[in-house]
């Protein structure tokens, strides 16, 4: 079975949060879809809430603290990413945007990404298409066609129609398909010598 890595970025602020709940359901569905394709996914979830101060410090100083550097390296080295944000004022949260502001500009190039969001009302669902999708398009990621939105009603008793679960499975399946189509992600060491040492001495 092929080994691949999946990083889940959750920007929920409360604890527990519906954003993290959606992130966990998406990652579980992705693991299941990957197994069906002969892929074992190693999942790591990054809670941006825990890195909020580090992200601010990095924006001010240009140097990431150790915990944030580890998270940024995980995103860069992942074979795929699931990114989930709460919607505030018709867009992604400031914490979500700030994190991806400090991700290396080339870290997501050609990397499969599944985008998702949560909000109190379904009226915010278009934020996925006018805010999140353009953000990852700018970062040159491969955003899968299906995005997943969950409003407060989707977690209640009236959610028995299964619409949310259908989109979760569809998006996760599309992500697993993109992972299967690609070779494992590789990260270039910026300090590695690309020229023979003897040639450097000439």
N, C-alpha and C. Protein backbone atom coordinates (compact mmCIF):
# COMPACT_ATOMS: atom_id res chain seq x y z
N UNK A 1 0.84 -1.20 0.00
CA UNK A 1 0.00 0.00 0.00
C UNK A 1 0.88 1.25 0.00
N UNK A 2 0.55 2.20 -0.84
CA UNK A 2 1.32 3.45 -0.94
C UNK A 2 1.11 4.30 0.30
N UNK A 3 2.17 4.99 0.70
CA UNK A 3 2.11 5.88 1.87
C UNK A 3 2.08 7.33 1.40
N UNK A 4 1.12 8.10 1.90
CA UNK A 4 1.02 9.52 1.58
C UNK A 4 0.66 10.30 2.84
N UNK A 5 0.88 11.61 2.81
CA UNK A 5 0.60 12.44 3.97
C UNK A 5 -0.48 13.47 3.64
N UNK A 6 -1.36 13.69 4.60
CA UNK A 6 -2.43 14.67 4.48
C UNK A 6 -2.36 15.62 5.67
N UNK A 7 -2.30 16.91 5.40
CA UNK A 7 -2.31 17.92 6.46
C UNK A 7 -3.66 18.62 6.45
N UNK A 8 -4.29 18.68 7.61
CA UNK A 8 -5.59 19.33 7.76
C UNK A 8 -5.38 20.61 8.56
N UNK A 9 -5.74 21.74 7.95
CA UNK A 9 -5.60 23.04 8.62
C UNK A 9 -6.98 23.51 9.07
N UNK A 10 -7.14 23.64 10.38
CA UNK A 10 -8.43 24.05 10.96
C UNK A 10 -8.26 25.40 11.65
N UNK A 11 -9.10 26.37 11.25
CA UNK A 11 -8.97 27.73 11.79
C UNK A 11 -10.08 28.07 12.78
N UNK A 12 -10.68 27.07 13.37
CA UNK A 12 -11.71 27.32 14.37
C UNK A 12 -11.13 28.02 15.59
N UNK A 13 -11.91 28.91 16.19
CA UNK A 13 -11.43 29.67 17.35
C UNK A 13 -11.93 29.12 18.68
N UNK A 14 -13.09 28.52 18.67
CA UNK A 14 -13.62 27.97 19.92
C UNK A 14 -13.13 26.54 20.12
N UNK A 15 -13.37 26.03 21.33
CA UNK A 15 -12.93 24.68 21.62
C UNK A 15 -13.98 23.98 22.49
N UNK A 16 -14.72 23.03 21.96
CA UNK A 16 -14.64 22.49 20.59
C UNK A 16 -15.28 23.44 19.58
N UNK A 17 -15.04 23.21 18.31
CA UNK A 17 -15.58 24.07 17.26
C UNK A 17 -16.18 23.25 16.14
N UNK A 18 -17.19 23.81 15.49
CA UNK A 18 -17.78 23.13 14.34
C UNK A 18 -16.78 23.04 13.19
N UNK A 19 -15.84 24.01 13.13
CA UNK A 19 -14.81 23.98 12.10
C UNK A 19 -13.94 22.74 12.25
N UNK A 20 -13.52 22.45 13.49
CA UNK A 20 -12.71 21.26 13.73
C UNK A 20 -13.54 19.99 13.48
N UNK A 21 -14.81 20.02 13.84
CA UNK A 21 -15.67 18.86 13.60
C UNK A 21 -15.75 18.56 12.11
N UNK A 22 -15.94 19.59 11.29
CA UNK A 22 -15.99 19.39 9.85
C UNK A 22 -14.65 18.91 9.33
N UNK A 23 -13.56 19.48 9.83
CA UNK A 23 -12.21 19.07 9.42
C UNK A 23 -11.98 17.58 9.71
N UNK A 24 -12.42 17.12 10.88
CA UNK A 24 -12.23 15.72 11.24
C UNK A 24 -13.06 14.79 10.35
N UNK A 25 -14.28 15.21 10.02
CA UNK A 25 -15.11 14.38 9.15
C UNK A 25 -14.54 14.30 7.74
N UNK A 26 -13.99 15.42 7.26
CA UNK A 26 -13.38 15.42 5.93
C UNK A 26 -12.14 14.53 5.90
N UNK A 27 -11.30 14.62 6.92
CA UNK A 27 -10.08 13.81 6.92
C UNK A 27 -10.41 12.33 7.04
N UNK A 28 -11.43 11.99 7.84
CA UNK A 28 -11.83 10.58 7.95
C UNK A 28 -12.34 10.05 6.62
N UNK A 29 -13.12 10.86 5.92
CA UNK A 29 -13.63 10.44 4.61
C UNK A 29 -12.49 10.31 3.60
N UNK A 30 -11.50 11.20 3.69
CA UNK A 30 -10.35 11.12 2.79
C UNK A 30 -9.53 9.86 3.03
N UNK A 31 -9.37 9.50 4.30
CA UNK A 31 -8.64 8.27 4.64
C UNK A 31 -9.35 7.06 4.04
N UNK A 32 -10.67 7.03 4.18
CA UNK A 32 -11.45 5.92 3.63
C UNK A 32 -11.34 5.84 2.11
N UNK A 33 -11.47 7.00 1.45
CA UNK A 33 -11.38 7.04 -0.01
C UNK A 33 -9.98 6.65 -0.49
N UNK A 34 -8.97 7.03 0.28
CA UNK A 34 -7.59 6.70 -0.10
C UNK A 34 -7.34 5.20 0.02
N UNK A 35 -7.84 4.58 1.07
CA UNK A 35 -7.66 3.13 1.26
C UNK A 35 -8.25 2.37 0.08
N UNK A 36 -9.38 2.84 -0.42
CA UNK A 36 -10.01 2.20 -1.58
C UNK A 36 -9.12 2.26 -2.82
N UNK A 37 -8.16 3.17 -2.81
CA UNK A 37 -7.23 3.32 -3.94
C UNK A 37 -5.84 2.78 -3.61
N UNK A 38 -5.75 2.03 -2.53
CA UNK A 38 -4.48 1.43 -2.15
C UNK A 38 -3.50 2.40 -1.54
N UNK A 39 -4.01 3.44 -0.88
CA UNK A 39 -3.16 4.47 -0.28
C UNK A 39 -3.43 4.55 1.22
N UNK A 40 -2.38 4.54 1.99
CA UNK A 40 -2.51 4.76 3.44
C UNK A 40 -2.13 6.21 3.73
N UNK A 41 -3.09 6.98 4.22
CA UNK A 41 -2.84 8.38 4.51
C UNK A 41 -2.43 8.58 5.96
N UNK A 42 -1.32 9.26 6.15
CA UNK A 42 -0.93 9.70 7.49
C UNK A 42 -1.45 11.12 7.66
N UNK A 43 -2.34 11.32 8.61
CA UNK A 43 -3.03 12.59 8.78
C UNK A 43 -2.45 13.38 9.94
N UNK A 44 -2.19 14.65 9.68
CA UNK A 44 -1.80 15.57 10.75
C UNK A 44 -2.74 16.77 10.72
N UNK A 45 -3.32 17.09 11.86
CA UNK A 45 -4.23 18.23 11.95
C UNK A 45 -3.53 19.39 12.65
N UNK A 46 -3.58 20.55 12.02
CA UNK A 46 -2.97 21.76 12.58
C UNK A 46 -4.08 22.70 13.04
N UNK A 47 -4.12 22.97 14.33
CA UNK A 47 -5.10 23.91 14.89
C UNK A 47 -4.46 25.30 14.92
N UNK A 48 -4.94 26.19 14.05
CA UNK A 48 -4.34 27.52 13.99
C UNK A 48 -4.56 28.30 15.27
N UNK A 49 -5.60 27.98 16.01
CA UNK A 49 -5.86 28.63 17.30
C UNK A 49 -4.64 28.54 18.21
N UNK A 50 -3.95 27.40 18.17
CA UNK A 50 -2.78 27.19 19.03
C UNK A 50 -1.55 27.94 18.53
N UNK A 51 -1.59 28.42 17.28
CA UNK A 51 -0.43 29.07 16.68
C UNK A 51 -0.65 30.56 16.46
N UNK A 52 -1.76 31.10 17.00
CA UNK A 52 -2.14 32.49 16.70
C UNK A 52 -1.03 33.49 17.07
N UNK A 53 -0.45 33.34 18.25
CA UNK A 53 0.61 34.28 18.66
C UNK A 53 1.87 34.11 17.81
N UNK A 54 2.19 32.85 17.47
CA UNK A 54 3.37 32.60 16.64
C UNK A 54 3.20 33.20 15.25
N UNK A 55 1.98 33.10 14.71
CA UNK A 55 1.73 33.67 13.37
C UNK A 55 1.92 35.18 13.40
N UNK A 56 1.40 35.82 14.44
CA UNK A 56 1.57 37.28 14.58
C UNK A 56 3.03 37.66 14.71
N UNK A 57 3.76 36.91 15.52
CA UNK A 57 5.19 37.19 15.69
C UNK A 57 5.94 37.03 14.38
N UNK A 58 5.57 36.02 13.61
CA UNK A 58 6.23 35.80 12.32
C UNK A 58 5.95 36.95 11.35
N UNK A 59 4.71 37.43 11.35
CA UNK A 59 4.37 38.55 10.49
C UNK A 59 5.15 39.81 10.87
N UNK A 60 5.43 39.97 12.16
CA UNK A 60 6.14 41.17 12.63
C UNK A 60 7.66 41.06 12.48
N UNK A 61 8.19 39.85 12.64
CA UNK A 61 9.65 39.68 12.65
C UNK A 61 10.20 39.03 11.40
N UNK A 62 9.37 38.25 10.71
CA UNK A 62 9.85 37.52 9.54
C UNK A 62 10.49 36.19 9.88
N UNK A 63 10.44 35.81 11.17
CA UNK A 63 11.04 34.54 11.60
C UNK A 63 10.00 33.72 12.35
N UNK A 64 9.71 32.50 11.88
CA UNK A 64 8.70 31.68 12.55
C UNK A 64 9.24 31.01 13.81
N UNK A 65 8.52 31.06 14.93
CA UNK A 65 8.89 30.26 16.10
C UNK A 65 8.86 28.78 15.75
N UNK A 66 9.42 27.96 16.62
CA UNK A 66 9.63 26.54 16.31
C UNK A 66 8.33 25.82 15.96
N UNK A 67 7.27 26.04 16.76
CA UNK A 67 6.02 25.33 16.52
C UNK A 67 5.41 25.71 15.17
N UNK A 68 5.47 26.98 14.84
CA UNK A 68 4.93 27.44 13.56
C UNK A 68 5.79 26.93 12.41
N UNK A 69 7.10 26.94 12.56
CA UNK A 69 7.99 26.42 11.51
C UNK A 69 7.67 24.95 11.23
N UNK A 70 7.41 24.20 12.27
CA UNK A 70 7.06 22.79 12.12
C UNK A 70 5.76 22.64 11.32
N UNK A 71 4.77 23.50 11.61
CA UNK A 71 3.49 23.45 10.89
C UNK A 71 3.68 23.85 9.43
N UNK A 72 4.47 24.87 9.17
CA UNK A 72 4.71 25.32 7.80
C UNK A 72 5.44 24.24 7.00
N UNK A 73 6.40 23.58 7.63
CA UNK A 73 7.12 22.48 6.97
C UNK A 73 6.18 21.32 6.66
N UNK A 74 5.24 21.07 7.57
CA UNK A 74 4.28 19.98 7.36
C UNK A 74 3.40 20.27 6.15
N UNK A 75 2.94 21.51 6.01
CA UNK A 75 2.12 21.88 4.85
C UNK A 75 2.93 21.73 3.57
N UNK A 76 4.16 22.20 3.58
CA UNK A 76 4.99 22.13 2.38
C UNK A 76 5.29 20.69 1.98
N UNK A 77 5.48 19.83 2.97
CA UNK A 77 5.84 18.44 2.67
C UNK A 77 4.67 17.51 2.46
N UNK A 78 3.45 18.02 2.65
CA UNK A 78 2.26 17.16 2.54
C UNK A 78 1.96 16.81 1.08
N UNK A 79 1.32 15.66 0.90
CA UNK A 79 0.87 15.28 -0.43
C UNK A 79 -0.47 15.92 -0.77
N UNK A 80 -1.21 16.35 0.26
CA UNK A 80 -2.49 17.02 0.06
C UNK A 80 -2.85 17.80 1.31
N UNK A 81 -3.75 18.77 1.15
CA UNK A 81 -4.16 19.63 2.26
C UNK A 81 -5.67 19.76 2.27
N UNK A 82 -6.24 19.70 3.46
CA UNK A 82 -7.64 20.08 3.68
C UNK A 82 -7.61 21.37 4.49
N UNK A 83 -8.25 22.42 3.99
CA UNK A 83 -8.23 23.73 4.65
C UNK A 83 -9.65 24.14 5.01
N UNK A 84 -9.89 24.36 6.30
CA UNK A 84 -11.23 24.66 6.79
C UNK A 84 -11.20 25.94 7.61
N UNK A 85 -12.07 26.88 7.25
CA UNK A 85 -12.13 28.16 7.97
C UNK A 85 -13.56 28.49 8.37
N UNK A 86 -13.74 29.12 9.52
CA UNK A 86 -15.05 29.72 9.79
C UNK A 86 -15.20 30.96 8.90
N UNK A 87 -16.42 31.31 8.60
CA UNK A 87 -16.67 32.49 7.78
C UNK A 87 -17.06 33.66 8.68
N UNK A 88 -16.28 34.73 8.60
CA UNK A 88 -16.56 35.95 9.34
C UNK A 88 -16.70 37.10 8.34
N UNK A 89 -17.77 37.86 8.44
CA UNK A 89 -18.01 39.01 7.56
C UNK A 89 -17.83 38.61 6.09
N UNK A 90 -18.47 37.51 5.73
CA UNK A 90 -18.55 37.03 4.35
C UNK A 90 -17.21 36.61 3.76
N UNK A 91 -16.22 36.23 4.60
CA UNK A 91 -14.94 35.76 4.08
C UNK A 91 -14.27 34.86 5.12
N UNK A 92 -13.11 34.31 4.75
CA UNK A 92 -12.35 33.49 5.70
C UNK A 92 -11.90 34.34 6.88
N UNK A 93 -11.54 33.68 7.96
CA UNK A 93 -11.12 34.40 9.15
C UNK A 93 -9.74 35.02 8.95
N UNK A 94 -9.45 36.05 9.74
CA UNK A 94 -8.14 36.69 9.66
C UNK A 94 -7.02 35.74 10.03
N UNK A 95 -7.27 34.86 11.00
CA UNK A 95 -6.25 33.89 11.41
C UNK A 95 -5.93 32.94 10.26
N UNK A 96 -6.95 32.48 9.56
CA UNK A 96 -6.77 31.59 8.41
C UNK A 96 -5.92 32.28 7.34
N UNK A 97 -6.27 33.51 7.00
CA UNK A 97 -5.54 34.25 5.97
C UNK A 97 -4.10 34.52 6.41
N UNK A 98 -3.92 34.88 7.68
CA UNK A 98 -2.57 35.19 8.17
C UNK A 98 -1.66 33.96 8.09
N UNK A 99 -2.22 32.78 8.36
CA UNK A 99 -1.39 31.57 8.26
C UNK A 99 -0.93 31.35 6.83
N UNK A 100 -1.84 31.46 5.88
CA UNK A 100 -1.44 31.23 4.50
C UNK A 100 -0.64 32.39 3.93
N UNK A 101 -0.65 33.54 4.61
CA UNK A 101 0.25 34.63 4.24
C UNK A 101 1.70 34.28 4.54
N UNK A 102 1.94 33.45 5.55
CA UNK A 102 3.32 33.10 5.91
C UNK A 102 3.75 31.75 5.36
N UNK A 103 2.82 31.03 4.70
CA UNK A 103 3.23 29.81 3.99
C UNK A 103 4.07 30.23 2.78
N UNK A 104 5.14 29.50 2.52
CA UNK A 104 6.00 29.82 1.37
C UNK A 104 5.19 29.89 0.09
N UNK A 105 5.50 30.85 -0.75
CA UNK A 105 4.71 31.11 -1.96
C UNK A 105 4.68 29.92 -2.92
N UNK A 106 5.65 29.02 -2.83
CA UNK A 106 5.68 27.86 -3.72
C UNK A 106 5.27 26.56 -3.03
N UNK A 107 4.88 26.64 -1.75
CA UNK A 107 4.63 25.42 -0.98
C UNK A 107 3.43 24.62 -1.48
N UNK A 108 2.47 25.30 -2.10
CA UNK A 108 1.24 24.62 -2.51
C UNK A 108 1.14 24.41 -4.02
N UNK A 109 2.19 24.69 -4.74
CA UNK A 109 2.14 24.55 -6.20
C UNK A 109 1.83 23.10 -6.58
N UNK A 110 0.76 22.91 -7.36
CA UNK A 110 0.31 21.60 -7.85
C UNK A 110 -0.06 20.64 -6.73
N UNK A 111 -0.34 21.16 -5.53
CA UNK A 111 -0.72 20.31 -4.41
C UNK A 111 -2.25 20.24 -4.33
N UNK A 112 -2.83 19.04 -4.24
CA UNK A 112 -4.28 18.93 -4.13
C UNK A 112 -4.79 19.52 -2.82
N UNK A 113 -5.83 20.34 -2.91
CA UNK A 113 -6.40 20.99 -1.73
C UNK A 113 -7.92 20.87 -1.77
N UNK A 114 -8.49 20.48 -0.64
CA UNK A 114 -9.94 20.46 -0.46
C UNK A 114 -10.29 21.61 0.48
N UNK A 115 -11.15 22.53 0.02
CA UNK A 115 -11.52 23.68 0.84
C UNK A 115 -12.90 23.46 1.47
N UNK A 116 -13.04 23.98 2.70
CA UNK A 116 -14.30 23.84 3.41
C UNK A 116 -14.47 25.01 4.36
N UNK A 117 -15.72 25.22 4.79
CA UNK A 117 -15.98 26.35 5.68
C UNK A 117 -17.22 26.08 6.52
N UNK A 118 -17.30 26.81 7.62
CA UNK A 118 -18.46 26.73 8.51
C UNK A 118 -18.96 28.14 8.79
N UNK A 119 -20.26 28.23 9.10
CA UNK A 119 -20.84 29.53 9.47
C UNK A 119 -22.19 29.28 10.12
N UNK A 120 -22.75 30.35 10.68
CA UNK A 120 -24.02 30.21 11.35
C UNK A 120 -25.19 30.08 10.41
N UNK A 121 -25.05 30.56 9.20
CA UNK A 121 -26.15 30.53 8.24
C UNK A 121 -25.65 30.14 6.86
N UNK A 122 -26.50 29.50 6.09
CA UNK A 122 -26.15 29.05 4.74
C UNK A 122 -25.89 30.22 3.80
N UNK A 123 -26.30 31.43 4.17
CA UNK A 123 -26.09 32.58 3.30
C UNK A 123 -24.60 32.87 3.08
N UNK A 124 -23.74 32.32 3.93
CA UNK A 124 -22.30 32.55 3.79
C UNK A 124 -21.62 31.52 2.89
N UNK A 125 -22.36 30.59 2.32
CA UNK A 125 -21.74 29.49 1.59
C UNK A 125 -20.95 29.94 0.37
N UNK A 126 -21.35 31.05 -0.26
CA UNK A 126 -20.64 31.51 -1.45
C UNK A 126 -19.22 32.01 -1.14
N UNK A 127 -18.92 32.21 0.13
CA UNK A 127 -17.56 32.64 0.49
C UNK A 127 -16.52 31.62 0.04
N UNK A 128 -16.91 30.36 -0.05
CA UNK A 128 -15.98 29.34 -0.54
C UNK A 128 -15.52 29.65 -1.96
N UNK A 129 -16.44 30.14 -2.78
CA UNK A 129 -16.12 30.38 -4.18
C UNK A 129 -15.52 31.76 -4.44
N UNK A 130 -15.93 32.77 -3.66
CA UNK A 130 -15.40 34.11 -3.93
C UNK A 130 -14.23 34.49 -3.03
N UNK A 131 -13.91 33.66 -2.04
CA UNK A 131 -12.79 33.98 -1.14
C UNK A 131 -11.77 32.84 -1.08
N UNK A 132 -12.18 31.67 -0.63
CA UNK A 132 -11.20 30.59 -0.44
C UNK A 132 -10.64 30.05 -1.76
N UNK A 133 -11.50 29.79 -2.73
CA UNK A 133 -11.00 29.21 -3.99
C UNK A 133 -10.01 30.16 -4.69
N UNK A 134 -10.30 31.46 -4.80
CA UNK A 134 -9.32 32.36 -5.41
C UNK A 134 -8.00 32.43 -4.64
N UNK A 135 -8.06 32.34 -3.30
CA UNK A 135 -6.83 32.35 -2.50
C UNK A 135 -5.92 31.21 -2.88
N UNK A 136 -6.47 30.00 -2.96
CA UNK A 136 -5.64 28.85 -3.28
C UNK A 136 -5.31 28.78 -4.78
N UNK A 137 -6.15 29.38 -5.59
CA UNK A 137 -5.79 29.53 -6.99
C UNK A 137 -4.56 30.40 -7.15
N UNK A 138 -4.51 31.48 -6.38
CA UNK A 138 -3.35 32.37 -6.41
C UNK A 138 -2.08 31.64 -5.96
N UNK A 139 -2.22 30.74 -5.00
CA UNK A 139 -1.08 29.97 -4.51
C UNK A 139 -0.75 28.78 -5.41
N UNK A 140 -1.48 28.67 -6.52
CA UNK A 140 -1.25 27.66 -7.56
C UNK A 140 -1.47 26.23 -7.08
N UNK A 141 -2.36 26.08 -6.09
CA UNK A 141 -2.76 24.75 -5.66
C UNK A 141 -3.79 24.18 -6.63
N UNK A 142 -3.99 22.87 -6.57
CA UNK A 142 -5.03 22.22 -7.37
C UNK A 142 -6.23 22.01 -6.44
N UNK A 143 -7.19 22.92 -6.51
CA UNK A 143 -8.36 22.85 -5.64
C UNK A 143 -9.39 21.91 -6.27
N UNK A 144 -9.81 20.90 -5.53
CA UNK A 144 -10.75 19.93 -6.09
C UNK A 144 -12.10 20.63 -6.34
N UNK A 145 -12.89 20.12 -7.30
CA UNK A 145 -14.12 20.81 -7.69
C UNK A 145 -15.13 21.00 -6.56
N UNK A 146 -15.27 20.00 -5.70
CA UNK A 146 -16.28 20.08 -4.65
C UNK A 146 -15.73 20.78 -3.42
N UNK A 147 -16.40 21.84 -3.00
CA UNK A 147 -16.09 22.48 -1.72
C UNK A 147 -17.21 22.11 -0.75
N UNK A 148 -16.91 22.18 0.54
CA UNK A 148 -17.87 21.71 1.55
C UNK A 148 -18.18 22.82 2.53
N UNK A 149 -19.46 23.12 2.67
CA UNK A 149 -19.90 24.17 3.60
C UNK A 149 -20.87 23.57 4.60
N UNK A 150 -20.71 23.94 5.87
CA UNK A 150 -21.61 23.46 6.91
C UNK A 150 -22.13 24.64 7.72
N UNK A 151 -23.43 24.84 7.70
CA UNK A 151 -24.07 25.85 8.55
C UNK A 151 -24.50 25.19 9.85
N UNK A 152 -24.92 26.00 10.80
CA UNK A 152 -25.32 25.46 12.11
C UNK A 152 -26.42 24.41 11.98
N UNK A 153 -27.36 24.63 11.06
CA UNK A 153 -28.47 23.69 10.87
C UNK A 153 -28.00 22.31 10.41
N UNK A 154 -26.85 22.26 9.76
CA UNK A 154 -26.36 20.99 9.23
C UNK A 154 -25.94 20.02 10.34
N UNK A 155 -25.72 20.55 11.54
CA UNK A 155 -25.31 19.69 12.65
C UNK A 155 -26.49 19.28 13.53
N UNK A 156 -27.68 19.80 13.23
CA UNK A 156 -28.84 19.54 14.08
C UNK A 156 -29.68 18.38 13.59
N UNK A 157 -30.85 18.25 14.21
CA UNK A 157 -31.75 17.14 13.88
C UNK A 157 -32.29 17.24 12.46
N UNK A 158 -32.31 18.46 11.91
CA UNK A 158 -32.86 18.64 10.56
C UNK A 158 -31.87 18.27 9.47
N UNK A 159 -30.70 17.75 9.85
CA UNK A 159 -29.67 17.42 8.85
C UNK A 159 -29.78 15.97 8.37
N UNK A 160 -30.91 15.32 8.62
CA UNK A 160 -31.04 13.90 8.32
C UNK A 160 -31.10 13.59 6.83
N UNK A 161 -31.20 14.63 5.97
CA UNK A 161 -31.26 14.37 4.54
C UNK A 161 -29.92 13.92 3.97
N UNK A 162 -28.84 14.08 4.74
CA UNK A 162 -27.53 13.57 4.32
C UNK A 162 -26.82 14.41 3.30
N UNK A 163 -27.29 15.63 3.02
CA UNK A 163 -26.67 16.46 1.99
C UNK A 163 -25.22 16.80 2.35
N UNK A 164 -24.99 17.18 3.60
CA UNK A 164 -23.63 17.51 4.02
C UNK A 164 -22.71 16.30 3.89
N UNK A 165 -23.17 15.15 4.35
CA UNK A 165 -22.34 13.95 4.29
C UNK A 165 -22.03 13.57 2.85
N UNK A 166 -22.99 13.79 1.96
CA UNK A 166 -22.76 13.50 0.54
C UNK A 166 -21.64 14.37 -0.02
N UNK A 167 -21.64 15.65 0.33
CA UNK A 167 -20.59 16.55 -0.16
C UNK A 167 -19.25 16.22 0.48
N UNK A 168 -19.26 15.82 1.75
CA UNK A 168 -18.02 15.43 2.42
C UNK A 168 -17.38 14.25 1.69
N UNK A 169 -18.18 13.25 1.39
CA UNK A 169 -17.66 12.06 0.71
C UNK A 169 -17.20 12.40 -0.70
N UNK A 170 -17.97 13.23 -1.41
CA UNK A 170 -17.60 13.60 -2.77
C UNK A 170 -16.28 14.38 -2.79
N UNK A 171 -16.16 15.37 -1.92
CA UNK A 171 -14.93 16.16 -1.88
C UNK A 171 -13.74 15.32 -1.49
N UNK A 172 -13.91 14.45 -0.49
CA UNK A 172 -12.82 13.58 -0.04
C UNK A 172 -12.40 12.61 -1.14
N UNK A 173 -13.37 12.11 -1.90
CA UNK A 173 -13.06 11.19 -3.00
C UNK A 173 -12.27 11.89 -4.09
N UNK A 174 -12.67 13.12 -4.42
CA UNK A 174 -11.92 13.89 -5.41
C UNK A 174 -10.49 14.15 -4.95
N UNK A 175 -10.33 14.42 -3.65
CA UNK A 175 -8.98 14.65 -3.11
C UNK A 175 -8.13 13.38 -3.20
N UNK A 176 -8.72 12.25 -2.82
CA UNK A 176 -7.99 10.98 -2.89
C UNK A 176 -7.59 10.64 -4.32
N UNK A 177 -8.45 10.97 -5.27
CA UNK A 177 -8.14 10.72 -6.68
C UNK A 177 -6.94 11.55 -7.13
N UNK A 178 -6.89 12.80 -6.71
CA UNK A 178 -5.75 13.66 -7.06
C UNK A 178 -4.47 13.17 -6.41
N UNK A 179 -4.56 12.69 -5.17
CA UNK A 179 -3.37 12.15 -4.49
C UNK A 179 -2.86 10.94 -5.25
N UNK A 180 -3.78 10.08 -5.68
CA UNK A 180 -3.41 8.85 -6.37
C UNK A 180 -2.73 9.13 -7.71
N UNK A 181 -3.06 10.24 -8.34
CA UNK A 181 -2.51 10.59 -9.65
C UNK A 181 -1.09 11.13 -9.57
N UNK A 182 -0.62 11.44 -8.37
CA UNK A 182 0.66 12.14 -8.23
C UNK A 182 1.71 11.29 -7.53
N UNK A 183 2.96 11.62 -7.81
CA UNK A 183 4.07 11.03 -7.07
C UNK A 183 4.12 11.67 -5.69
N UNK A 184 4.78 11.03 -4.72
CA UNK A 184 4.89 11.62 -3.39
C UNK A 184 5.53 13.01 -3.44
N UNK A 185 5.08 13.88 -2.56
CA UNK A 185 5.62 15.24 -2.52
C UNK A 185 7.09 15.20 -2.09
N UNK A 186 7.88 16.06 -2.69
CA UNK A 186 9.29 16.18 -2.30
C UNK A 186 9.56 17.64 -1.97
N UNK A 187 10.40 17.84 -0.97
CA UNK A 187 10.78 19.20 -0.56
C UNK A 187 12.25 19.39 -0.83
N UNK A 188 12.58 20.40 -1.59
CA UNK A 188 13.96 20.69 -1.94
C UNK A 188 14.66 21.38 -0.78
N UNK A 189 15.82 20.85 -0.40
CA UNK A 189 16.63 21.47 0.65
C UNK A 189 17.28 22.73 0.09
N UNK A 190 16.94 23.92 0.64
CA UNK A 190 17.50 25.15 0.09
C UNK A 190 19.01 25.27 0.29
N UNK A 191 19.57 24.44 1.18
CA UNK A 191 21.00 24.50 1.46
C UNK A 191 21.78 23.37 0.77
N UNK A 192 21.05 22.54 0.03
CA UNK A 192 21.72 21.43 -0.64
C UNK A 192 22.52 21.94 -1.84
N UNK A 193 23.69 21.35 -2.04
CA UNK A 193 24.53 21.73 -3.17
C UNK A 193 23.97 21.11 -4.45
N UNK A 194 23.70 21.92 -5.44
CA UNK A 194 23.20 21.42 -6.72
C UNK A 194 24.31 21.37 -7.77
N UNK A 195 25.48 21.85 -7.40
CA UNK A 195 26.64 21.85 -8.30
C UNK A 195 27.76 21.09 -7.62
N UNK A 196 28.49 20.30 -8.40
CA UNK A 196 29.61 19.54 -7.86
C UNK A 196 30.61 20.48 -7.20
N UNK A 197 31.14 20.06 -6.04
CA UNK A 197 32.04 20.94 -5.27
C UNK A 197 33.30 21.29 -6.06
N UNK A 198 33.81 20.35 -6.88
CA UNK A 198 34.98 20.64 -7.69
C UNK A 198 34.70 21.73 -8.70
N UNK A 199 33.45 21.74 -9.25
CA UNK A 199 33.09 22.78 -10.19
C UNK A 199 33.03 24.14 -9.51
N UNK A 200 32.62 24.15 -8.23
CA UNK A 200 32.56 25.42 -7.50
C UNK A 200 33.96 26.01 -7.30
N UNK A 201 34.97 25.13 -7.19
CA UNK A 201 36.32 25.60 -6.96
C UNK A 201 37.00 26.12 -8.23
N UNK A 202 36.44 25.82 -9.37
CA UNK A 202 37.07 26.25 -10.63
C UNK A 202 36.88 27.73 -10.86
